[in-house]
Amino acid sequence: MATHEKSERSDVLNSVEFRIYDQLYSLRGQEPETHLREVAEMIQRKVESLKKKNPSISLQKASMLVAFDLASDLIKGTKKSSDYRASLIAKTHQILERVELELESKSSF
């Protein structure tokens, strides 16, 4: 995996090249190079794993199935994060109410 432009600044594009079978890809973005490399390695692993399980599947189809899988994971993760946030807010409100009630009961003495 080759890397280009080692800047971590957000106004400069970083680039990571990676190969899946005989196809060379270049991933560019403002994210840090380490992030781009992690994304590229994840895609490589998932496509290669899928191709090992189904050797007759085309690289294009394997890539699309990986994209669908990653999108599904993202949607589930976003929902889980949202649910966790809502639960945390509800628990915080419950604790705040208990504290306020306790303070009110102590101030009435």
PDB file of N, CA and C in Angstrom:
ATOM      1  N   MET A   1       0.847  -1.163   0.000  1.00  0.00           N
ATOM      2  CA  MET A   1       0.000   0.000   0.000  1.00  0.00           C
ATOM      3  C   MET A   1       0.895   1.229   0.000  1.00  0.00           C
ATOM      4  N   ALA A   2       0.775   2.058  -0.995  1.00  0.00           N
ATOM      5  CA  ALA A   2       1.576   3.272  -1.114  1.00  0.00           C
ATOM      6  C   ALA A   2       0.810   4.450  -0.546  1.00  0.00           C
ATOM      7  N   THR A   3       1.554   5.416  -0.008  1.00  0.00           N
ATOM      8  CA  THR A   3       0.906   6.612   0.511  1.00  0.00           C
ATOM      9  C   THR A   3       1.548   7.838  -0.092  1.00  0.00           C
ATOM     10  N   HIS A   4       0.775   8.892  -0.208  1.00  0.00           N
ATOM     11  CA  HIS A   4       1.239  10.145  -0.783  1.00  0.00           C
ATOM     12  C   HIS A   4       0.810  11.286   0.118  1.00  0.00           C
ATOM     13  N   GLU A   5       1.480  12.426   0.014  1.00  0.00           N
ATOM     14  CA  GLU A   5       1.131  13.635   0.737  1.00  0.00           C
ATOM     15  C   GLU A   5       0.877  13.348   2.203  1.00  0.00           C
ATOM     16  N   LYS A   6       1.908  13.427   2.999  1.00  0.00           N
ATOM     17  CA  LYS A   6       1.833  13.022   4.394  1.00  0.00           C
ATOM     18  C   LYS A   6       1.293  14.097   5.323  1.00  0.00           C
ATOM     19  N   SER A   7       0.609  15.064   4.803  1.00  0.00           N
ATOM     20  CA  SER A   7       0.068  16.142   5.622  1.00  0.00           C
ATOM     21  C   SER A   7      -1.121  15.662   6.442  1.00  0.00           C
ATOM     22  N   GLU A   8      -1.217  16.157   7.657  1.00  0.00           N
ATOM     23  CA  GLU A   8      -2.373  15.872   8.503  1.00  0.00           C
ATOM     24  C   GLU A   8      -3.303  17.087   8.526  1.00  0.00           C
ATOM     25  N   ARG A   9      -2.997  18.151   7.770  1.00  0.00           N
ATOM     26  CA  ARG A   9      -3.831  19.345   7.721  1.00  0.00           C
ATOM     27  C   ARG A   9      -5.114  19.041   6.967  1.00  0.00           C
ATOM     28  N   SER A  10      -6.186  19.706   7.387  1.00  0.00           N
ATOM     29  CA  SER A  10      -7.486  19.412   6.774  1.00  0.00           C
ATOM     30  C   SER A  10      -7.669  20.060   5.409  1.00  0.00           C
ATOM     31  N   ASP A  11      -6.789  21.021   5.032  1.00  0.00           N
ATOM     32  CA  ASP A  11      -6.957  21.666   3.735  1.00  0.00           C
ATOM     33  C   ASP A  11      -6.151  20.984   2.631  1.00  0.00           C
ATOM     34  N   VAL A  12      -5.428  19.947   2.977  1.00  0.00           N
ATOM     35  CA  VAL A  12      -4.614  19.220   2.007  1.00  0.00           C
ATOM     36  C   VAL A  12      -5.174  17.805   1.870  1.00  0.00           C
ATOM     37  N   LEU A  13      -5.260  17.328   0.634  1.00  0.00           N
ATOM     38  CA  LEU A  13      -5.745  15.962   0.417  1.00  0.00           C
ATOM     39  C   LEU A  13      -4.636  14.963   0.680  1.00  0.00           C
ATOM     40  N   ASN A  14      -4.946  13.978   1.497  1.00  0.00           N
ATOM     41  CA  ASN A  14      -4.051  12.852   1.702  1.00  0.00           C
ATOM     42  C   ASN A  14      -4.484  11.753   0.743  1.00  0.00           C
ATOM     43  N   SER A  15      -3.581  10.858   0.440  1.00  0.00           N
ATOM     44  CA  SER A  15      -3.873   9.815  -0.539  1.00  0.00           C
ATOM     45  C   SER A  15      -3.241   8.493  -0.127  1.00  0.00           C
ATOM     46  N   VAL A  16      -3.993   7.415  -0.316  1.00  0.00           N
ATOM     47  CA  VAL A  16      -3.502   6.064  -0.052  1.00  0.00           C
ATOM     48  C   VAL A  16      -3.851   5.215  -1.268  1.00  0.00           C
ATOM     49  N   GLU A  17      -2.875   4.521  -1.797  1.00  0.00           N
ATOM     50  CA  GLU A  17      -3.130   3.590  -2.897  1.00  0.00           C
ATOM     51  C   GLU A  17      -3.156   2.178  -2.332  1.00  0.00           C
ATOM     52  N   PHE A  18      -4.080   1.379  -2.842  1.00  0.00           N
ATOM     53  CA  PHE A  18      -4.155  -0.012  -2.406  1.00  0.00           C
ATOM     54  C   PHE A  18      -4.645  -0.863  -3.558  1.00  0.00           C
ATOM     55  N   ARG A  19      -4.350  -2.138  -3.463  1.00  0.00           N
ATOM     56  CA  ARG A  19      -4.668  -3.069  -4.535  1.00  0.00           C
ATOM     57  C   ARG A  19      -5.600  -4.152  -4.002  1.00  0.00           C
ATOM     58  N   ILE A  20      -6.643  -4.412  -4.790  1.00  0.00           N
ATOM     59  CA  ILE A  20      -7.517  -5.553  -4.533  1.00  0.00           C
ATOM     60  C   ILE A  20      -7.439  -6.413  -5.779  1.00  0.00           C
ATOM     61  N   TYR A  21      -6.862  -7.570  -5.609  1.00  0.00           N
ATOM     62  CA  TYR A  21      -6.541  -8.449  -6.722  1.00  0.00           C
ATOM     63  C   TYR A  21      -5.727  -7.666  -7.740  1.00  0.00           C
ATOM     64  N   ASP A  22      -6.140  -7.552  -8.968  1.00  0.00           N
ATOM     65  CA  ASP A  22      -5.312  -6.872  -9.968  1.00  0.00           C
ATOM     66  C   ASP A  22      -5.722  -5.420 -10.181  1.00  0.00           C
ATOM     67  N   GLN A  23      -6.593  -4.894  -9.335  1.00  0.00           N
ATOM     68  CA  GLN A  23      -7.075  -3.524  -9.481  1.00  0.00           C
ATOM     69  C   GLN A  23      -6.391  -2.596  -8.475  1.00  0.00           C
ATOM     70  N   LEU A  24      -5.857  -1.492  -8.970  1.00  0.00           N
ATOM     71  CA  LEU A  24      -5.223  -0.487  -8.115  1.00  0.00           C
ATOM     72  C   LEU A  24      -6.233   0.636  -7.866  1.00  0.00           C
ATOM     73  N   TYR A  25      -6.387   1.001  -6.599  1.00  0.00           N
ATOM     74  CA  TYR A  25      -7.309   2.055  -6.208  1.00  0.00           C
ATOM     75  C   TYR A  25      -6.546   3.145  -5.472  1.00  0.00           C
ATOM     76  N   SER A  26      -7.019   4.363  -5.596  1.00  0.00           N
ATOM     77  CA  SER A  26      -6.433   5.484  -4.879  1.00  0.00           C
ATOM     78  C   SER A  26      -7.540   6.127  -4.063  1.00  0.00           C
ATOM     79  N   LEU A  27      -7.340   6.169  -2.763  1.00  0.00           N
ATOM     80  CA  LEU A  27      -8.317   6.751  -1.852  1.00  0.00           C
ATOM     81  C   LEU A  27      -7.769   8.095  -1.396  1.00  0.00           C
ATOM     82  N   ARG A  28      -8.518   9.165  -1.631  1.00  0.00           N
ATOM     83  CA  ARG A  28      -8.077  10.513  -1.276  1.00  0.00           C
ATOM     84  C   ARG A  28      -9.110  11.165  -0.375  1.00  0.00           C
ATOM     85  N   GLY A  29      -8.611  11.957   0.563  1.00  0.00           N
ATOM     86  CA  GLY A  29      -9.515  12.688   1.436  1.00  0.00           C
ATOM     87  C   GLY A  29      -8.765  13.602   2.367  1.00  0.00           C
ATOM     88  N   GLN A  30      -9.499  14.416   3.073  1.00  0.00           N
ATOM     89  CA  GLN A  30      -8.903  15.338   4.025  1.00  0.00           C
ATOM     90  C   GLN A  30      -8.638  14.668   5.368  1.00  0.00           C
ATOM     91  N   GLU A  31      -9.124  13.456   5.533  1.00  0.00           N
ATOM     92  CA  GLU A  31      -8.885  12.720   6.761  1.00  0.00           C
ATOM     93  C   GLU A  31      -7.400  12.394   6.874  1.00  0.00           C
ATOM     94  N   PRO A  32      -6.931  12.142   8.094  1.00  0.00           N
ATOM     95  CA  PRO A  32      -5.523  11.759   8.265  1.00  0.00           C
ATOM     96  C   PRO A  32      -5.190  10.493   7.470  1.00  0.00           C
ATOM     97  N   GLU A  33      -3.966  10.411   7.044  1.00  0.00           N
ATOM     98  CA  GLU A  33      -3.498   9.262   6.259  1.00  0.00           C
ATOM     99  C   GLU A  33      -3.755   7.945   6.980  1.00  0.00           C
ATOM    100  N   THR A  34      -3.603   7.933   8.297  1.00  0.00           N
ATOM    101  CA  THR A  34      -3.848   6.702   9.064  1.00  0.00           C
ATOM    102  C   THR A  34      -5.297   6.253   8.924  1.00  0.00           C
ATOM    103  N   HIS A  35      -6.226   7.201   8.894  1.00  0.00           N
ATOM    104  CA  HIS A  35      -7.644   6.867   8.719  1.00  0.00           C
ATOM    105  C   HIS A  35      -7.897   6.292   7.326  1.00  0.00           C
ATOM    106  N   LEU A  36      -7.338   6.945   6.319  1.00  0.00           N
ATOM    107  CA  LEU A  36      -7.507   6.458   4.941  1.00  0.00           C
ATOM    108  C   LEU A  36      -6.936   5.051   4.793  1.00  0.00           C
ATOM    109  N   ARG A  37      -5.785   4.802   5.403  1.00  0.00           N
ATOM    110  CA  ARG A  37      -5.162   3.482   5.333  1.00  0.00           C
ATOM    111  C   ARG A  37      -6.052   2.438   6.012  1.00  0.00           C
ATOM    112  N   GLU A  38      -6.639   2.803   7.151  1.00  0.00           N
ATOM    113  CA  GLU A  38      -7.524   1.883   7.862  1.00  0.00           C
ATOM    114  C   GLU A  38      -8.751   1.549   7.019  1.00  0.00           C
ATOM    115  N   VAL A  39      -9.326   2.551   6.355  1.00  0.00           N
ATOM    116  CA  VAL A  39     -10.479   2.337   5.466  1.00  0.00           C
ATOM    117  C   VAL A  39     -10.096   1.403   4.324  1.00  0.00           C
ATOM    118  N   ALA A  40      -8.950   1.688   3.685  1.00  0.00           N
ATOM    119  CA  ALA A  40      -8.489   0.861   2.557  1.00  0.00           C
ATOM    120  C   ALA A  40      -8.258  -0.579   2.990  1.00  0.00           C
ATOM    121  N   GLU A  41      -7.639  -0.769   4.156  1.00  0.00           N
ATOM    122  CA  GLU A  41      -7.369  -2.124   4.632  1.00  0.00           C
ATOM    123  C   GLU A  41      -8.663  -2.863   4.961  1.00  0.00           C
ATOM    124  N   MET A  42      -9.649  -2.148   5.509  1.00  0.00           N
ATOM    125  CA  MET A  42     -10.926  -2.785   5.811  1.00  0.00           C
ATOM    126  C   MET A  42     -11.608  -3.253   4.533  1.00  0.00           C
ATOM    127  N   ILE A  43     -11.614  -2.410   3.518  1.00  0.00           N
ATOM    128  CA  ILE A  43     -12.227  -2.773   2.242  1.00  0.00           C
ATOM    129  C   ILE A  43     -11.497  -3.966   1.637  1.00  0.00           C
ATOM    130  N   GLN A  44     -10.161  -3.923   1.644  1.00  0.00           N
ATOM    131  CA  GLN A  44      -9.371  -5.037   1.117  1.00  0.00           C
ATOM    132  C   GLN A  44      -9.748  -6.343   1.802  1.00  0.00           C
ATOM    133  N   ARG A  45      -9.745  -6.334   3.136  1.00  0.00           N
ATOM    134  CA  ARG A  45     -10.051  -7.551   3.898  1.00  0.00           C
ATOM    135  C   ARG A  45     -11.443  -8.077   3.569  1.00  0.00           C
ATOM    136  N   LYS A  46     -12.426  -7.195   3.527  1.00  0.00           N
ATOM    137  CA  LYS A  46     -13.801  -7.636   3.290  1.00  0.00           C
ATOM    138  C   LYS A  46     -13.994  -8.198   1.881  1.00  0.00           C
ATOM    139  N   VAL A  47     -13.433  -7.529   0.891  1.00  0.00           N
ATOM    140  CA  VAL A  47     -13.567  -8.017  -0.492  1.00  0.00           C
ATOM    141  C   VAL A  47     -12.825  -9.343  -0.643  1.00  0.00           C
ATOM    142  N   GLU A  48     -11.605  -9.426  -0.132  1.00  0.00           N
ATOM    143  CA  GLU A  48     -10.828 -10.664  -0.266  1.00  0.00           C
ATOM    144  C   GLU A  48     -11.486 -11.818   0.483  1.00  0.00           C
ATOM    145  N   SER A  49     -12.064 -11.545   1.642  1.00  0.00           N
ATOM    146  CA  SER A  49     -12.761 -12.585   2.402  1.00  0.00           C
ATOM    147  C   SER A  49     -13.975 -13.096   1.627  1.00  0.00           C
ATOM    148  N   LEU A  50     -14.732 -12.170   1.048  1.00  0.00           N
ATOM    149  CA  LEU A  50     -15.904 -12.550   0.262  1.00  0.00           C
ATOM    150  C   LEU A  50     -15.504 -13.354  -0.969  1.00  0.00           C
ATOM    151  N   LYS A  51     -14.425 -12.941  -1.636  1.00  0.00           N
ATOM    152  CA  LYS A  51     -13.960 -13.661  -2.831  1.00  0.00           C
ATOM    153  C   LYS A  51     -13.444 -15.056  -2.468  1.00  0.00           C
ATOM    154  N   LYS A  52     -12.851 -15.212  -1.278  1.00  0.00           N
ATOM    155  CA  LYS A  52     -12.386 -16.543  -0.854  1.00  0.00           C
ATOM    156  C   LYS A  52     -13.560 -17.480  -0.639  1.00  0.00           C
ATOM    157  N   LYS A  53     -14.634 -16.944  -0.063  1.00  0.00           N
ATOM    158  CA  LYS A  53     -15.822 -17.761   0.195  1.00  0.00           C
ATOM    159  C   LYS A  53     -16.587 -18.063  -1.089  1.00  0.00           C
ATOM    160  N   ASN A  54     -16.524 -17.135  -2.046  1.00  0.00           N
ATOM    161  CA  ASN A  54     -17.247 -17.273  -3.315  1.00  0.00           C
ATOM    162  C   ASN A  54     -16.299 -16.941  -4.469  1.00  0.00           C
ATOM    163  N   PRO A  55     -15.393 -17.854  -4.824  1.00  0.00           N
ATOM    164  CA  PRO A  55     -14.373 -17.542  -5.835  1.00  0.00           C
ATOM    165  C   PRO A  55     -14.932 -17.153  -7.206  1.00  0.00           C
ATOM    166  N   SER A  56     -16.134 -17.578  -7.522  1.00  0.00           N
ATOM    167  CA  SER A  56     -16.670 -17.277  -8.847  1.00  0.00           C
ATOM    168  C   SER A  56     -17.315 -15.886  -8.938  1.00  0.00           C
ATOM    169  N   ILE A  57     -17.486 -15.228  -7.808  1.00  0.00           N
ATOM    170  CA  ILE A  57     -18.109 -13.903  -7.810  1.00  0.00           C
ATOM    171  C   ILE A  57     -17.148 -12.879  -8.417  1.00  0.00           C
ATOM    172  N   SER A  58     -17.686 -11.962  -9.200  1.00  0.00           N
ATOM    173  CA  SER A  58     -16.838 -10.949  -9.832  1.00  0.00           C
ATOM    174  C   SER A  58     -16.375  -9.935  -8.784  1.00  0.00           C
ATOM    175  N   LEU A  59     -15.274  -9.277  -9.085  1.00  0.00           N
ATOM    176  CA  LEU A  59     -14.749  -8.249  -8.193  1.00  0.00           C
ATOM    177  C   LEU A  59     -15.769  -7.118  -8.032  1.00  0.00           C
ATOM    178  N   GLN A  60     -16.445  -6.773  -9.121  1.00  0.00           N
ATOM    179  CA  GLN A  60     -17.452  -5.713  -9.064  1.00  0.00           C
ATOM    180  C   GLN A  60     -18.602  -6.100  -8.134  1.00  0.00           C
ATOM    181  N   LYS A  61     -19.098  -7.320  -8.260  1.00  0.00           N
ATOM    182  CA  LYS A  61     -20.201  -7.762  -7.411  1.00  0.00           C
ATOM    183  C   LYS A  61     -19.747  -7.864  -5.962  1.00  0.00           C
ATOM    184  N   ALA A  62     -18.549  -8.384  -5.735  1.00  0.00           N
ATOM    185  CA  ALA A  62     -18.014  -8.470  -4.376  1.00  0.00           C
ATOM    186  C   ALA A  62     -17.903  -7.083  -3.764  1.00  0.00           C
ATOM    187  N   SER A  63     -17.445  -6.123  -4.554  1.00  0.00           N
ATOM    188  CA  SER A  63     -17.306  -4.740  -4.075  1.00  0.00           C
ATOM    189  C   SER A  63     -18.666  -4.159  -3.703  1.00  0.00           C
ATOM    190  N   MET A  64     -19.671  -4.411  -4.514  1.00  0.00           N
ATOM    191  CA  MET A  64     -21.013  -3.899  -4.220  1.00  0.00           C
ATOM    192  C   MET A  64     -21.585  -4.556  -2.962  1.00  0.00           C
ATOM    193  N   LEU A  65     -21.379  -5.853  -2.814  1.00  0.00           N
ATOM    194  CA  LEU A  65     -21.872  -6.538  -1.613  1.00  0.00           C
ATOM    195  C   LEU A  65     -21.186  -5.998  -0.358  1.00  0.00           C
ATOM    196  N   VAL A  66     -19.893  -5.712  -0.473  1.00  0.00           N
ATOM    197  CA  VAL A  66     -19.165  -5.106   0.649  1.00  0.00           C
ATOM    198  C   VAL A  66     -19.729  -3.717   0.940  1.00  0.00           C
ATOM    199  N   ALA A  67     -20.025  -2.947  -0.096  1.00  0.00           N
ATOM    200  CA  ALA A  67     -20.609  -1.616   0.091  1.00  0.00           C
ATOM    201  C   ALA A  67     -21.959  -1.720   0.810  1.00  0.00           C
ATOM    202  N   PHE A  68     -22.795  -2.683   0.410  1.00  0.00           N
ATOM    203  CA  PHE A  68     -24.087  -2.872   1.063  1.00  0.00           C
ATOM    204  C   PHE A  68     -23.896  -3.261   2.532  1.00  0.00           C
ATOM    205  N   ASP A  69     -22.940  -4.149   2.786  1.00  0.00           N
ATOM    206  CA  ASP A  69     -22.661  -4.597   4.149  1.00  0.00           C
ATOM    207  C   ASP A  69     -22.183  -3.429   5.015  1.00  0.00           C
ATOM    208  N   LEU A  70     -21.264  -2.623   4.475  1.00  0.00           N
ATOM    209  CA  LEU A  70     -20.755  -1.477   5.231  1.00  0.00           C
ATOM    210  C   LEU A  70     -21.852  -0.439   5.472  1.00  0.00           C
ATOM    211  N   ALA A  71     -22.716  -0.221   4.475  1.00  0.00           N
ATOM    212  CA  ALA A  71     -23.831   0.714   4.648  1.00  0.00           C
ATOM    213  C   ALA A  71     -24.787   0.209   5.732  1.00  0.00           C
ATOM    214  N   SER A  72     -25.052  -1.084   5.734  1.00  0.00           N
ATOM    215  CA  SER A  72     -25.911  -1.677   6.749  1.00  0.00           C
ATOM    216  C   SER A  72     -25.298  -1.496   8.137  1.00  0.00           C
ATOM    217  N   ASP A  73     -23.997  -1.754   8.254  1.00  0.00           N
ATOM    218  CA  ASP A  73     -23.301  -1.572   9.531  1.00  0.00           C
ATOM    219  C   ASP A  73     -23.380  -0.118   9.995  1.00  0.00           C
ATOM    220  N   LEU A  74     -23.229   0.807   9.064  1.00  0.00           N
ATOM    221  CA  LEU A  74     -23.304   2.226   9.391  1.00  0.00           C
ATOM    222  C   LEU A  74     -24.698   2.603   9.898  1.00  0.00           C
ATOM    223  N   ILE A  75     -25.723   2.128   9.215  1.00  0.00           N
ATOM    224  CA  ILE A  75     -27.099   2.424   9.626  1.00  0.00           C
ATOM    225  C   ILE A  75     -27.385   1.841  11.008  1.00  0.00           C
ATOM    226  N   LYS A  76     -26.973   0.581  11.224  1.00  0.00           N
ATOM    227  CA  LYS A  76     -27.185  -0.045  12.541  1.00  0.00           C
ATOM    228  C   LYS A  76     -26.410   0.699  13.628  1.00  0.00           C
ATOM    229  N   GLY A  77     -25.170   1.094  13.325  1.00  0.00           N
ATOM    230  CA  GLY A  77     -24.351   1.817  14.297  1.00  0.00           C
ATOM    231  C   GLY A  77     -24.935   3.178  14.624  1.00  0.00           C
ATOM    232  N   THR A  78     -25.450   3.865  13.615  1.00  0.00           N
ATOM    233  CA  THR A  78     -26.069   5.169  13.825  1.00  0.00           C
ATOM    234  C   THR A  78     -27.315   5.036  14.694  1.00  0.00           C
ATOM    235  N   LYS A  79     -28.127   4.015  14.418  1.00  0.00           N
ATOM    236  CA  LYS A  79     -29.335   3.785  15.227  1.00  0.00           C
ATOM    237  C   LYS A  79     -28.953   3.435  16.660  1.00  0.00           C
ATOM    238  N   LYS A  80     -27.965   2.571  16.809  1.00  0.00           N
ATOM    239  CA  LYS A  80     -27.528   2.176  18.152  1.00  0.00           C
ATOM    240  C   LYS A  80     -27.004   3.395  18.922  1.00  0.00           C
ATOM    241  N   SER A  81     -26.245   4.230  18.254  1.00  0.00           N
ATOM    242  CA  SER A  81     -25.721   5.441  18.868  1.00  0.00           C
ATOM    243  C   SER A  81     -26.855   6.383  19.270  1.00  0.00           C
ATOM    244  N   SER A  82     -27.835   6.537  18.395  1.00  0.00           N
ATOM    245  CA  SER A  82     -28.982   7.395  18.669  1.00  0.00           C
ATOM    246  C   SER A  82     -29.791   6.855  19.852  1.00  0.00           C
ATOM    247  N   ASP A  83     -30.016   5.541  19.872  1.00  0.00           N
ATOM    248  CA  ASP A  83     -30.750   4.914  20.974  1.00  0.00           C
ATOM    249  C   ASP A  83     -29.995   5.092  22.294  1.00  0.00           C
ATOM    250  N   TYR A  84     -28.684   4.918  22.250  1.00  0.00           N
ATOM    251  CA  TYR A  84     -27.857   5.064  23.449  1.00  0.00           C
ATOM    252  C   TYR A  84     -27.919   6.499  23.949  1.00  0.00           C
ATOM    253  N   ARG A  85     -27.839   7.443  23.017  1.00  0.00           N
ATOM    254  CA  ARG A  85     -27.901   8.867  23.380  1.00  0.00           C
ATOM    255  C   ARG A  85     -29.242   9.195  24.028  1.00  0.00           C
ATOM    256  N   ALA A  86     -30.332   8.702  23.452  1.00  0.00           N
ATOM    257  CA  ALA A  86     -31.666   8.948  24.012  1.00  0.00           C
ATOM    258  C   ALA A  86     -31.778   8.340  25.408  1.00  0.00           C
ATOM    259  N   SER A  87     -31.253   7.141  25.584  1.00  0.00           N
ATOM    260  CA  SER A  87     -31.279   6.479  26.885  1.00  0.00           C
ATOM    261  C   SER A  87     -30.453   7.258  27.914  1.00  0.00           C
ATOM    262  N   LEU A  88     -29.310   7.729  27.489  1.00  0.00           N
ATOM    263  CA  LEU A  88     -28.438   8.502  28.369  1.00  0.00           C
ATOM    264  C   LEU A  88     -29.106   9.814  28.786  1.00  0.00           C
ATOM    265  N   ILE A  89     -29.765  10.480  27.849  1.00  0.00           N
ATOM    266  CA  ILE A  89     -30.474  11.723  28.160  1.00  0.00           C
ATOM    267  C   ILE A  89     -31.610  11.450  29.142  1.00  0.00           C
ATOM    268  N   ALA A  90     -32.365  10.384  28.924  1.00  0.00           N
ATOM    269  CA  ALA A  90     -33.473  10.040  29.820  1.00  0.00           C
ATOM    270  C   ALA A  90     -32.958   9.748  31.230  1.00  0.00           C
ATOM    271  N   LYS A  91     -31.882   8.989  31.335  1.00  0.00           N
ATOM    272  CA  LYS A  91     -31.312   8.674  32.659  1.00  0.00           C
ATOM    273  C   LYS A  91     -30.772   9.928  33.325  1.00  0.00           C
ATOM    274  N   THR A  92     -30.178  10.814  32.547  1.00  0.00           N
ATOM    275  CA  THR A  92     -29.660  12.066  33.088  1.00  0.00           C
ATOM    276  C   THR A  92     -30.795  12.906  33.659  1.00  0.00           C
ATOM    277  N   HIS A  93     -31.914  12.963  32.933  1.00  0.00           N
ATOM    278  CA  HIS A  93     -33.083  13.704  33.421  1.00  0.00           C
ATOM    279  C   HIS A  93     -33.619  13.083  34.711  1.00  0.00           C
ATOM    280  N   GLN A  94     -33.655  11.759  34.795  1.00  0.00           N
ATOM    281  CA  GLN A  94     -34.123  11.091  36.010  1.00  0.00           C
ATOM    282  C   GLN A  94     -33.222  11.434  37.200  1.00  0.00           C
ATOM    283  N   ILE A  95     -31.923  11.402  36.983  1.00  0.00           N
ATOM    284  CA  ILE A  95     -30.981  11.724  38.056  1.00  0.00           C
ATOM    285  C   ILE A  95     -31.140  13.179  38.480  1.00  0.00           C
ATOM    286  N   LEU A  96     -31.271  14.066  37.502  1.00  0.00           N
ATOM    287  CA  LEU A  96     -31.451  15.487  37.800  1.00  0.00           C
ATOM    288  C   LEU A  96     -32.722  15.720  38.615  1.00  0.00           C
ATOM    289  N   GLU A  97     -33.808  15.050  38.256  1.00  0.00           N
ATOM    290  CA  GLU A  97     -35.051  15.181  39.014  1.00  0.00           C
ATOM    291  C   GLU A  97     -34.870  14.717  40.453  1.00  0.00           C
ATOM    292  N   ARG A  98     -34.170  13.593  40.644  1.00  0.00           N
ATOM    293  CA  ARG A  98     -33.925  13.084  41.999  1.00  0.00           C
ATOM    294  C   ARG A  98     -33.095  14.071  42.809  1.00  0.00           C
ATOM    295  N   VAL A  99     -32.077  14.641  42.184  1.00  0.00           N
ATOM    296  CA  VAL A  99     -31.229  15.610  42.874  1.00  0.00           C
ATOM    297  C   VAL A  99     -32.048  16.842  43.253  1.00  0.00           C
ATOM    298  N   GLU A 100     -32.873  17.336  42.316  1.00  0.00           N
ATOM    299  CA  GLU A 100     -33.702  18.508  42.596  1.00  0.00           C
ATOM    300  C   GLU A 100     -34.691  18.234  43.728  1.00  0.00           C
ATOM    301  N   LEU A 101     -35.303  17.038  43.719  1.00  0.00           N
ATOM    302  CA  LEU A 101     -36.232  16.672  44.797  1.00  0.00           C
ATOM    303  C   LEU A 101     -35.514  16.597  46.139  1.00  0.00           C
ATOM    304  N   GLU A 102     -34.329  16.038  46.115  1.00  0.00           N
ATOM    305  CA  GLU A 102     -33.535  15.928  47.350  1.00  0.00           C
ATOM    306  C   GLU A 102     -33.140  17.299  47.868  1.00  0.00           C
ATOM    307  N   LEU A 103     -32.748  18.187  46.966  1.00  0.00           N
ATOM    308  CA  LEU A 103     -32.396  19.548  47.367  1.00  0.00           C
ATOM    309  C   LEU A 103     -33.613  20.300  47.918  1.00  0.00           C
ATOM    310  N   GLU A 104     -34.763  20.119  47.268  1.00  0.00           N
ATOM    311  CA  GLU A 104     -35.984  20.765  47.755  1.00  0.00           C
ATOM    312  C   GLU A 104     -36.377  20.267  49.132  1.00  0.00           C
ATOM    313  N   SER A 105     -36.253  18.950  49.332  1.00  0.00           N
ATOM    314  CA  SER A 105     -36.626  18.403  50.640  1.00  0.00           C
ATOM    315  C   SER A 105     -35.678  18.869  51.742  1.00  0.00           C
ATOM    316  N   LYS A 106     -34.415  19.083  51.419  1.00  0.00           N
ATOM    317  CA  LYS A 106     -33.455  19.559  52.416  1.00  0.00           C
ATOM    318  C   LYS A 106     -33.619  21.040  52.689  1.00  0.00           C
ATOM    319  N   SER A 107     -34.053  21.792  51.681  1.00  0.00           N
ATOM    320  CA  SER A 107     -34.202  23.241  51.865  1.00  0.00           C
ATOM    321  C   SER A 107     -35.469  23.574  52.652  1.00  0.00           C
ATOM    322  N   SER A 108     -36.406  22.647  52.733  1.00  0.00           N
ATOM    323  CA  SER A 108     -37.651  22.907  53.468  1.00  0.00           C
ATOM    324  C   SER A 108     -37.485  22.677  54.947  1.00  0.00           C
ATOM    325  N   PHE A 109     -36.337  22.186  55.391  1.00  0.00           N
ATOM    326  CA  PHE A 109     -36.108  21.980  56.828  1.00  0.00           C
ATOM    327  C   PHE A 109     -35.657  23.210  57.480  1.00  0.00           C
TER     328      PHE A 109
END
